[in-house]
Every structure is written in C-alpha cells, then in structure tokens.
PDB file of N, CA and C in Angstrom:
ATOM      1  N   UNK A   1      61.048 -39.422 -22.537  1.00  0.00           N
ATOM      2  CA  UNK A   1      60.508 -38.085 -22.317  1.00  0.00           C
ATOM      3  C   UNK A   1      60.945 -37.602 -20.939  1.00  0.00           C
ATOM      4  N   UNK A   2      61.150 -36.341 -20.818  1.00  0.00           N
ATOM      5  CA  UNK A   2      61.586 -35.765 -19.549  1.00  0.00           C
ATOM      6  C   UNK A   2      60.481 -34.845 -19.020  1.00  0.00           C
ATOM      7  N   UNK A   3      60.466 -34.581 -17.705  1.00  0.00           N
ATOM      8  CA  UNK A   3      59.396 -33.760 -17.121  1.00  0.00           C
ATOM      9  C   UNK A   3      59.501 -32.288 -17.513  1.00  0.00           C
ATOM     10  N   UNK A   4      58.363 -31.620 -17.471  1.00  0.00           N
ATOM     11  CA  UNK A   4      58.289 -30.192 -17.786  1.00  0.00           C
ATOM     12  C   UNK A   4      58.779 -29.365 -16.595  1.00  0.00           C
ATOM     13  N   UNK A   5      59.322 -28.204 -16.899  1.00  0.00           N
ATOM     14  CA  UNK A   5      59.711 -27.247 -15.864  1.00  0.00           C
ATOM     15  C   UNK A   5      58.457 -26.491 -15.449  1.00  0.00           C
ATOM     16  N   UNK A   6      58.252 -26.367 -14.128  1.00  0.00           N
ATOM     17  CA  UNK A   6      57.072 -25.631 -13.659  1.00  0.00           C
ATOM     18  C   UNK A   6      57.433 -24.358 -12.899  1.00  0.00           C
ATOM     19  N   UNK A   7      58.679 -24.249 -12.415  1.00  0.00           N
ATOM     20  CA  UNK A   7      59.096 -22.990 -11.795  1.00  0.00           C
ATOM     21  C   UNK A   7      60.609 -22.839 -11.881  1.00  0.00           C
ATOM     22  N   UNK A   8      61.045 -21.582 -11.795  1.00  0.00           N
ATOM     23  CA  UNK A   8      62.475 -21.266 -11.857  1.00  0.00           C
ATOM     24  C   UNK A   8      62.775 -20.168 -10.845  1.00  0.00           C
ATOM     25  N   UNK A   9      63.927 -20.294 -10.200  1.00  0.00           N
ATOM     26  CA  UNK A   9      64.408 -19.282  -9.265  1.00  0.00           C
ATOM     27  C   UNK A   9      65.830 -18.923  -9.681  1.00  0.00           C
ATOM     28  N   UNK A  10      66.059 -17.647 -10.067  1.00  0.00           N
ATOM     29  CA  UNK A  10      67.429 -17.238 -10.384  1.00  0.00           C
ATOM     30  C   UNK A  10      68.227 -17.103  -9.087  1.00  0.00           C
ATOM     31  N   UNK A  11      69.439 -17.608  -9.099  1.00  0.00           N
ATOM     32  CA  UNK A  11      70.303 -17.581  -7.918  1.00  0.00           C
ATOM     33  C   UNK A  11      71.603 -16.857  -8.269  1.00  0.00           C
ATOM     34  N   UNK A  12      72.404 -16.508  -7.251  1.00  0.00           N
ATOM     35  CA  UNK A  12      73.702 -15.878  -7.539  1.00  0.00           C
ATOM     36  C   UNK A  12      74.590 -16.798  -8.376  1.00  0.00           C
ATOM     37  N   UNK A  13      75.613 -16.226  -8.936  1.00  0.00           N
ATOM     38  CA  UNK A  13      76.592 -16.951  -9.755  1.00  0.00           C
ATOM     39  C   UNK A  13      75.969 -17.591 -10.997  1.00  0.00           C
ATOM     40  N   UNK A  14      74.956 -16.937 -11.557  1.00  0.00           N
ATOM     41  CA  UNK A  14      74.346 -17.385 -12.814  1.00  0.00           C
ATOM     42  C   UNK A  14      73.861 -18.831 -12.748  1.00  0.00           C
ATOM     43  N   UNK A  15      73.154 -19.121 -11.682  1.00  0.00           N
ATOM     44  CA  UNK A  15      72.594 -20.445 -11.465  1.00  0.00           C
ATOM     45  C   UNK A  15      71.081 -20.346 -11.417  1.00  0.00           C
ATOM     46  N   UNK A  16      70.425 -21.360 -11.955  1.00  0.00           N
ATOM     47  CA  UNK A  16      68.968 -21.449 -11.899  1.00  0.00           C
ATOM     48  C   UNK A  16      68.577 -22.652 -11.051  1.00  0.00           C
ATOM     49  N   UNK A  17      67.606 -22.449 -10.172  1.00  0.00           N
ATOM     50  CA  UNK A  17      66.975 -23.582  -9.495  1.00  0.00           C
ATOM     51  C   UNK A  17      65.702 -23.878 -10.264  1.00  0.00           C
ATOM     52  N   UNK A  18      65.580 -25.109 -10.706  1.00  0.00           N
ATOM     53  CA  UNK A  18      64.469 -25.517 -11.554  1.00  0.00           C
ATOM     54  C   UNK A  18      63.615 -26.548 -10.839  1.00  0.00           C
ATOM     55  N   UNK A  19      62.309 -26.328 -10.849  1.00  0.00           N
ATOM     56  CA  UNK A  19      61.382 -27.328 -10.327  1.00  0.00           C
ATOM     57  C   UNK A  19      60.693 -27.977 -11.519  1.00  0.00           C
ATOM     58  N   UNK A  20      60.728 -29.287 -11.543  1.00  0.00           N
ATOM     59  CA  UNK A  20      60.105 -30.048 -12.611  1.00  0.00           C
ATOM     60  C   UNK A  20      58.774 -30.611 -12.135  1.00  0.00           C
ATOM     61  N   UNK A  21      57.915 -30.950 -13.072  1.00  0.00           N
ATOM     62  CA  UNK A  21      56.568 -31.403 -12.731  1.00  0.00           C
ATOM     63  C   UNK A  21      56.545 -32.663 -11.873  1.00  0.00           C
ATOM     64  N   UNK A  22      57.626 -33.427 -11.861  1.00  0.00           N
ATOM     65  CA  UNK A  22      57.705 -34.626 -11.029  1.00  0.00           C
ATOM     66  C   UNK A  22      58.203 -34.300  -9.620  1.00  0.00           C
ATOM     67  N   UNK A  23      58.262 -32.991  -9.292  1.00  0.00           N
ATOM     68  CA  UNK A  23      58.669 -32.464  -7.981  1.00  0.00           C
ATOM     69  C   UNK A  23      60.155 -32.618  -7.701  1.00  0.00           C
ATOM     70  N   UNK A  24      60.932 -32.881  -8.719  1.00  0.00           N
ATOM     71  CA  UNK A  24      62.387 -32.907  -8.580  1.00  0.00           C
ATOM     72  C   UNK A  24      62.907 -31.487  -8.810  1.00  0.00           C
ATOM     73  N   UNK A  25      63.798 -31.060  -7.932  1.00  0.00           N
ATOM     74  CA  UNK A  25      64.463 -29.769  -8.069  1.00  0.00           C
ATOM     75  C   UNK A  25      65.880 -30.017  -8.577  1.00  0.00           C
ATOM     76  N   UNK A  26      66.308 -29.167  -9.504  1.00  0.00           N
ATOM     77  CA  UNK A  26      67.666 -29.272 -10.031  1.00  0.00           C
ATOM     78  C   UNK A  26      68.283 -27.888 -10.113  1.00  0.00           C
ATOM     79  N   UNK A  27      69.610 -27.878 -10.144  1.00  0.00           N
ATOM     80  CA  UNK A  27      70.361 -26.635 -10.265  1.00  0.00           C
ATOM     81  C   UNK A  27      71.116 -26.663 -11.589  1.00  0.00           C
ATOM     82  N   UNK A  28      71.031 -25.554 -12.319  1.00  0.00           N
ATOM     83  CA  UNK A  28      71.652 -25.450 -13.638  1.00  0.00           C
ATOM     84  C   UNK A  28      72.491 -24.182 -13.705  1.00  0.00           C
ATOM     85  N   UNK A  29      73.763 -24.334 -14.023  1.00  0.00           N
ATOM     86  CA  UNK A  29      74.653 -23.184 -14.175  1.00  0.00           C
ATOM     87  C   UNK A  29      74.711 -22.776 -15.641  1.00  0.00           C
ATOM     88  N   UNK A  30      74.538 -21.474 -15.894  1.00  0.00           N
ATOM     89  CA  UNK A  30      74.650 -21.001 -17.271  1.00  0.00           C
ATOM     90  C   UNK A  30      76.050 -20.486 -17.589  1.00  0.00           C
ATOM     91  N   UNK A  31      76.952 -20.537 -16.622  1.00  0.00           N
ATOM     92  CA  UNK A  31      78.306 -20.012 -16.831  1.00  0.00           C
ATOM     93  C   UNK A  31      78.974 -20.587 -18.080  1.00  0.00           C
ATOM     94  N   UNK A  32      78.895 -21.892 -18.333  1.00  0.00           N
ATOM     95  CA  UNK A  32      79.566 -22.409 -19.542  1.00  0.00           C
ATOM     96  C   UNK A  32      79.011 -21.848 -20.853  1.00  0.00           C
ATOM     97  N   UNK A  33      77.836 -21.262 -20.809  1.00  0.00           N
ATOM     98  CA  UNK A  33      77.181 -20.768 -22.026  1.00  0.00           C
ATOM     99  C   UNK A  33      77.393 -19.273 -22.251  1.00  0.00           C
ATOM    100  N   UNK A  34      77.901 -18.558 -21.267  1.00  0.00           N
ATOM    101  CA  UNK A  34      77.960 -17.098 -21.355  1.00  0.00           C
ATOM    102  C   UNK A  34      78.875 -16.556 -22.449  1.00  0.00           C
ATOM    103  N   UNK A  35      79.773 -17.338 -22.963  1.00  0.00           N
ATOM    104  CA  UNK A  35      80.652 -16.861 -24.033  1.00  0.00           C
ATOM    105  C   UNK A  35      80.033 -17.012 -25.421  1.00  0.00           C
ATOM    106  N   UNK A  36      78.933 -17.758 -25.516  1.00  0.00           N
ATOM    107  CA  UNK A  36      78.241 -17.866 -26.803  1.00  0.00           C
ATOM    108  C   UNK A  36      77.481 -16.568 -27.048  1.00  0.00           C
ATOM    109  N   UNK A  37      77.566 -16.001 -28.242  1.00  0.00           N
ATOM    110  CA  UNK A  37      76.940 -14.699 -28.507  1.00  0.00           C
ATOM    111  C   UNK A  37      75.471 -14.600 -28.097  1.00  0.00           C
ATOM    112  N   UNK A  38      74.688 -15.626 -28.335  1.00  0.00           N
ATOM    113  CA  UNK A  38      73.267 -15.548 -28.018  1.00  0.00           C
ATOM    114  C   UNK A  38      73.014 -15.390 -26.514  1.00  0.00           C
ATOM    115  N   UNK A  39      73.923 -15.893 -25.679  1.00  0.00           N
ATOM    116  CA  UNK A  39      73.720 -15.861 -24.226  1.00  0.00           C
ATOM    117  C   UNK A  39      74.430 -14.697 -23.530  1.00  0.00           C
ATOM    118  N   UNK A  40      75.218 -13.903 -24.253  1.00  0.00           N
ATOM    119  CA  UNK A  40      75.969 -12.807 -23.634  1.00  0.00           C
ATOM    120  C   UNK A  40      75.099 -11.811 -22.859  1.00  0.00           C
ATOM    121  N   UNK A  41      73.876 -11.490 -23.294  1.00  0.00           N
ATOM    122  CA  UNK A  41      73.057 -10.563 -22.501  1.00  0.00           C
ATOM    123  C   UNK A  41      72.790 -11.061 -21.074  1.00  0.00           C
ATOM    124  N   UNK A  42      72.907 -12.362 -20.845  1.00  0.00           N
ATOM    125  CA  UNK A  42      72.654 -12.908 -19.511  1.00  0.00           C
ATOM    126  C   UNK A  42      73.757 -12.558 -18.521  1.00  0.00           C
ATOM    127  N   UNK A  43      74.870 -12.004 -18.992  1.00  0.00           N
ATOM    128  CA  UNK A  43      75.933 -11.550 -18.086  1.00  0.00           C
ATOM    129  C   UNK A  43      75.455 -10.379 -17.228  1.00  0.00           C
ATOM    130  N   UNK A  44      74.427  -9.677 -17.688  1.00  0.00           N
ATOM    131  CA  UNK A  44      73.817  -8.595 -16.909  1.00  0.00           C
ATOM    132  C   UNK A  44      72.902  -9.244 -15.866  1.00  0.00           C
ATOM    133  N   UNK A  45      73.286  -9.157 -14.603  1.00  0.00           N
ATOM    134  CA  UNK A  45      72.550  -9.842 -13.532  1.00  0.00           C
ATOM    135  C   UNK A  45      71.086  -9.417 -13.465  1.00  0.00           C
ATOM    136  N   UNK A  46      70.789  -8.143 -13.715  1.00  0.00           N
ATOM    137  CA  UNK A  46      69.389  -7.714 -13.654  1.00  0.00           C
ATOM    138  C   UNK A  46      68.563  -8.364 -14.763  1.00  0.00           C
ATOM    139  N   UNK A  47      69.162  -8.551 -15.930  1.00  0.00           N
ATOM    140  CA  UNK A  47      68.464  -9.244 -17.017  1.00  0.00           C
ATOM    141  C   UNK A  47      68.357 -10.741 -16.707  1.00  0.00           C
ATOM    142  N   UNK A  48      69.441 -11.330 -16.229  1.00  0.00           N
ATOM    143  CA  UNK A  48      69.425 -12.749 -15.855  1.00  0.00           C
ATOM    144  C   UNK A  48      68.295 -13.042 -14.871  1.00  0.00           C
ATOM    145  N   UNK A  49      68.086 -12.145 -13.912  1.00  0.00           N
ATOM    146  CA  UNK A  49      67.071 -12.349 -12.871  1.00  0.00           C
ATOM    147  C   UNK A  49      65.636 -12.229 -13.378  1.00  0.00           C
ATOM    148  N   UNK A  50      65.447 -11.832 -14.625  1.00  0.00           N
ATOM    149  CA  UNK A  50      64.105 -11.712 -15.195  1.00  0.00           C
ATOM    150  C   UNK A  50      63.617 -13.009 -15.841  1.00  0.00           C
ATOM    151  N   UNK A  51      64.280 -14.094 -15.583  1.00  0.00           N
ATOM    152  CA  UNK A  51      63.925 -15.387 -16.167  1.00  0.00           C
ATOM    153  C   UNK A  51      62.508 -15.800 -15.768  1.00  0.00           C
ATOM    154  N   UNK A  52      61.789 -16.394 -16.705  1.00  0.00           N
ATOM    155  CA  UNK A  52      60.459 -16.934 -16.439  1.00  0.00           C
ATOM    156  C   UNK A  52      60.336 -18.306 -17.109  1.00  0.00           C
ATOM    157  N   UNK A  53      59.325 -19.045 -16.693  1.00  0.00           N
ATOM    158  CA  UNK A  53      59.010 -20.323 -17.339  1.00  0.00           C
ATOM    159  C   UNK A  53      57.945 -20.070 -18.388  1.00  0.00           C
ATOM    160  N   UNK A  54      58.211 -20.536 -19.595  1.00  0.00           N
ATOM    161  CA  UNK A  54      57.255 -20.428 -20.689  1.00  0.00           C
ATOM    162  C   UNK A  54      57.594 -21.512 -21.703  1.00  0.00           C
ATOM    163  N   UNK A  55      56.591 -22.088 -22.299  1.00  0.00           N
ATOM    164  CA  UNK A  55      56.797 -23.153 -23.292  1.00  0.00           C
ATOM    165  C   UNK A  55      57.555 -24.346 -22.691  1.00  0.00           C
ATOM    166  N   UNK A  56      57.337 -24.614 -21.410  1.00  0.00           N
ATOM    167  CA  UNK A  56      57.982 -25.730 -20.697  1.00  0.00           C
ATOM    168  C   UNK A  56      59.492 -25.597 -20.597  1.00  0.00           C
ATOM    169  N   UNK A  57      59.995 -24.366 -20.703  1.00  0.00           N
ATOM    170  CA  UNK A  57      61.421 -24.107 -20.530  1.00  0.00           C
ATOM    171  C   UNK A  57      61.596 -22.744 -19.874  1.00  0.00           C
ATOM    172  N   UNK A  58      62.819 -22.241 -19.811  1.00  0.00           N
ATOM    173  CA  UNK A  58      63.076 -20.918 -19.255  1.00  0.00           C
ATOM    174  C   UNK A  58      63.384 -19.960 -20.395  1.00  0.00           C
ATOM    175  N   UNK A  59      62.894 -18.720 -20.252  1.00  0.00           N
ATOM    176  CA  UNK A  59      63.095 -17.707 -21.295  1.00  0.00           C
ATOM    177  C   UNK A  59      63.419 -16.364 -20.646  1.00  0.00           C
ATOM    178  N   UNK A  60      64.060 -15.509 -21.444  1.00  0.00           N
ATOM    179  CA  UNK A  60      64.378 -14.141 -21.035  1.00  0.00           C
ATOM    180  C   UNK A  60      63.980 -13.196 -22.152  1.00  0.00           C
ATOM    181  N   UNK A  61      63.591 -11.984 -21.766  1.00  0.00           N
ATOM    182  CA  UNK A  61      63.300 -10.923 -22.730  1.00  0.00           C
ATOM    183  C   UNK A  61      61.839 -10.850 -23.111  1.00  0.00           C
ATOM    184  N   UNK A  62      61.407  -9.642 -23.478  1.00  0.00           N
ATOM    185  CA  UNK A  62      60.003  -9.429 -23.845  1.00  0.00           C
ATOM    186  C   UNK A  62      59.581 -10.271 -25.037  1.00  0.00           C
ATOM    187  N   UNK A  63      60.476 -10.465 -25.958  1.00  0.00           N
ATOM    188  CA  UNK A  63      60.177 -11.301 -27.124  1.00  0.00           C
ATOM    189  C   UNK A  63      60.740 -12.715 -26.959  1.00  0.00           C
ATOM    190  N   UNK A  64      61.079 -13.066 -25.718  1.00  0.00           N
ATOM    191  CA  UNK A  64      61.646 -14.390 -25.414  1.00  0.00           C
ATOM    192  C   UNK A  64      62.822 -14.689 -26.329  1.00  0.00           C
ATOM    193  N   UNK A  65      63.741 -13.737 -26.396  1.00  0.00           N
ATOM    194  CA  UNK A  65      64.863 -13.843 -27.324  1.00  0.00           C
ATOM    195  C   UNK A  65      65.911 -14.869 -26.892  1.00  0.00           C
ATOM    196  N   UNK A  66      65.922 -15.209 -25.610  1.00  0.00           N
ATOM    197  CA  UNK A  66      66.888 -16.193 -25.116  1.00  0.00           C
ATOM    198  C   UNK A  66      66.121 -17.298 -24.405  1.00  0.00           C
ATOM    199  N   UNK A  67      66.485 -18.531 -24.719  1.00  0.00           N
ATOM    200  CA  UNK A  67      65.901 -19.674 -24.015  1.00  0.00           C
ATOM    201  C   UNK A  67      66.917 -20.810 -24.005  1.00  0.00           C
ATOM    202  N   UNK A  68      66.580 -21.839 -23.252  1.00  0.00           N
ATOM    203  CA  UNK A  68      67.400 -23.047 -23.230  1.00  0.00           C
ATOM    204  C   UNK A  68      66.531 -24.222 -23.630  1.00  0.00           C
ATOM    205  N   UNK A  69      67.156 -25.168 -24.294  1.00  0.00           N
ATOM    206  CA  UNK A  69      66.467 -26.389 -24.656  1.00  0.00           C
ATOM    207  C   UNK A  69      66.103 -27.141 -23.367  1.00  0.00           C
ATOM    208  N   UNK A  70      64.843 -27.554 -23.208  1.00  0.00           N
ATOM    209  CA  UNK A  70      64.447 -28.265 -21.989  1.00  0.00           C
ATOM    210  C   UNK A  70      65.254 -29.545 -21.749  1.00  0.00           C
ATOM    211  N   UNK A  71      65.640 -30.223 -22.807  1.00  0.00           N
ATOM    212  CA  UNK A  71      66.450 -31.431 -22.662  1.00  0.00           C
ATOM    213  C   UNK A  71      67.799 -31.097 -22.021  1.00  0.00           C
ATOM    214  N   UNK A  72      68.403 -29.999 -22.446  1.00  0.00           N
ATOM    215  CA  UNK A  72      69.670 -29.554 -21.858  1.00  0.00           C
ATOM    216  C   UNK A  72      69.494 -29.252 -20.379  1.00  0.00           C
ATOM    217  N   UNK A  73      68.422 -28.548 -20.042  1.00  0.00           N
ATOM    218  CA  UNK A  73      68.183 -28.211 -18.642  1.00  0.00           C
ATOM    219  C   UNK A  73      68.015 -29.460 -17.783  1.00  0.00           C
ATOM    220  N   UNK A  74      67.327 -30.458 -18.302  1.00  0.00           N
ATOM    221  CA  UNK A  74      67.103 -31.691 -17.544  1.00  0.00           C
ATOM    222  C   UNK A  74      68.392 -32.503 -17.408  1.00  0.00           C
ATOM    223  N   UNK A  75      69.115 -32.671 -18.503  1.00  0.00           N
ATOM    224  CA  UNK A  75      70.262 -33.589 -18.489  1.00  0.00           C
ATOM    225  C   UNK A  75      71.544 -32.971 -17.928  1.00  0.00           C
ATOM    226  N   UNK A  76      71.700 -31.657 -18.026  1.00  0.00           N
ATOM    227  CA  UNK A  76      72.928 -31.019 -17.577  1.00  0.00           C
ATOM    228  C   UNK A  76      72.803 -30.352 -16.210  1.00  0.00           C
ATOM    229  N   UNK A  77      71.680 -30.520 -15.561  1.00  0.00           N
ATOM    230  CA  UNK A  77      71.500 -29.946 -14.232  1.00  0.00           C
ATOM    231  C   UNK A  77      71.751 -31.011 -13.163  1.00  0.00           C
ATOM    232  N   UNK A  78      71.948 -30.540 -11.951  1.00  0.00           N
ATOM    233  CA  UNK A  78      72.261 -31.413 -10.821  1.00  0.00           C
ATOM    234  C   UNK A  78      71.088 -31.402  -9.853  1.00  0.00           C
ATOM    235  N   UNK A  79      70.642 -32.579  -9.476  1.00  0.00           N
ATOM    236  CA  UNK A  79      69.512 -32.669  -8.545  1.00  0.00           C
ATOM    237  C   UNK A  79      69.914 -32.114  -7.182  1.00  0.00           C
ATOM    238  N   UNK A  80      68.993 -31.350  -6.594  1.00  0.00           N
ATOM    239  CA  UNK A  80      69.212 -30.769  -5.257  1.00  0.00           C
ATOM    240  C   UNK A  80      68.031 -31.101  -4.373  1.00  0.00           C
ATOM    241  N   UNK A  81      68.222 -30.947  -3.094  1.00  0.00           N
ATOM    242  CA  UNK A  81      67.156 -31.183  -2.136  1.00  0.00           C
ATOM    243  C   UNK A  81      66.609 -29.846  -1.679  1.00  0.00           C
ATOM    244  N   UNK A  82      65.309 -29.689  -1.782  1.00  0.00           N
ATOM    245  CA  UNK A  82      64.638 -28.477  -1.305  1.00  0.00           C
ATOM    246  C   UNK A  82      63.853 -28.860  -0.052  1.00  0.00           C
ATOM    247  N   UNK A  83      63.903 -28.016   0.980  1.00  0.00           N
ATOM    248  CA  UNK A  83      63.116 -28.332   2.178  1.00  0.00           C
ATOM    249  C   UNK A  83      61.628 -28.340   1.859  1.00  0.00           C
ATOM    250  N   UNK A  84      60.933 -29.304   2.420  1.00  0.00           N
ATOM    251  CA  UNK A  84      59.495 -29.405   2.227  1.00  0.00           C
ATOM    252  C   UNK A  84      58.785 -28.370   3.093  1.00  0.00           C
ATOM    253  N   UNK A  85      57.852 -27.646   2.496  1.00  0.00           N
ATOM    254  CA  UNK A  85      57.064 -26.645   3.223  1.00  0.00           C
ATOM    255  C   UNK A  85      55.815 -27.331   3.740  1.00  0.00           C
ATOM    256  N   UNK A  86      55.609 -27.233   5.043  1.00  0.00           N
ATOM    257  CA  UNK A  86      54.421 -27.836   5.659  1.00  0.00           C
ATOM    258  C   UNK A  86      53.234 -26.889   5.487  1.00  0.00           C
ATOM    259  N   UNK A  87      52.080 -27.447   5.077  1.00  0.00           N
ATOM    260  CA  UNK A  87      50.902 -26.596   4.939  1.00  0.00           C
ATOM    261  C   UNK A  87      49.904 -26.893   6.012  1.00  0.00           C
TER     262      UNK A  87
END
C-alpha cells in the first residue's frame, strides 16, 4: 500500500508537488501524458493550476473529469526535499 496524497501545489512546466501522508514530498511531471486525449485540457495553464486533492488523488474540473491514478503518482514521481517550517 502507498501513502495518500494530502496536498498538491501546481508548479511551472506542468509539474505537481505532492505531499503524502507520510510527510514525503514528491514532484510529478504531467508532460508525458499531455498527448493523451483525456489529458489535453491540462495544456491550458489556468486549468492545470486548478488542481485539487480529492479521493486521495489529484483531480481537475467541476465534475472531476481528469484525475491520475494514485499509484502512478507515487511510483512515477521523484522525491524532493521541502524546507521545514518552524512553528
């Protein structure tokens, strides 16, 4: 089993920063997927930036018409280091 996504930050160049429940941050590029018909609307940067976390994955659109499999997000993303915020 893999951890759930708890937050997402859209970044330039069609990249998502993903925070998982185990506090691991990963970066996921959607560029390889943009030629598939279902993902073509994500080429619009304003639409891409509307990404939210729902159902333990990332989704776009009012009817959540576009999403990614959580397993894909976990296995095909690259772990990154995020600075720790002191409280």
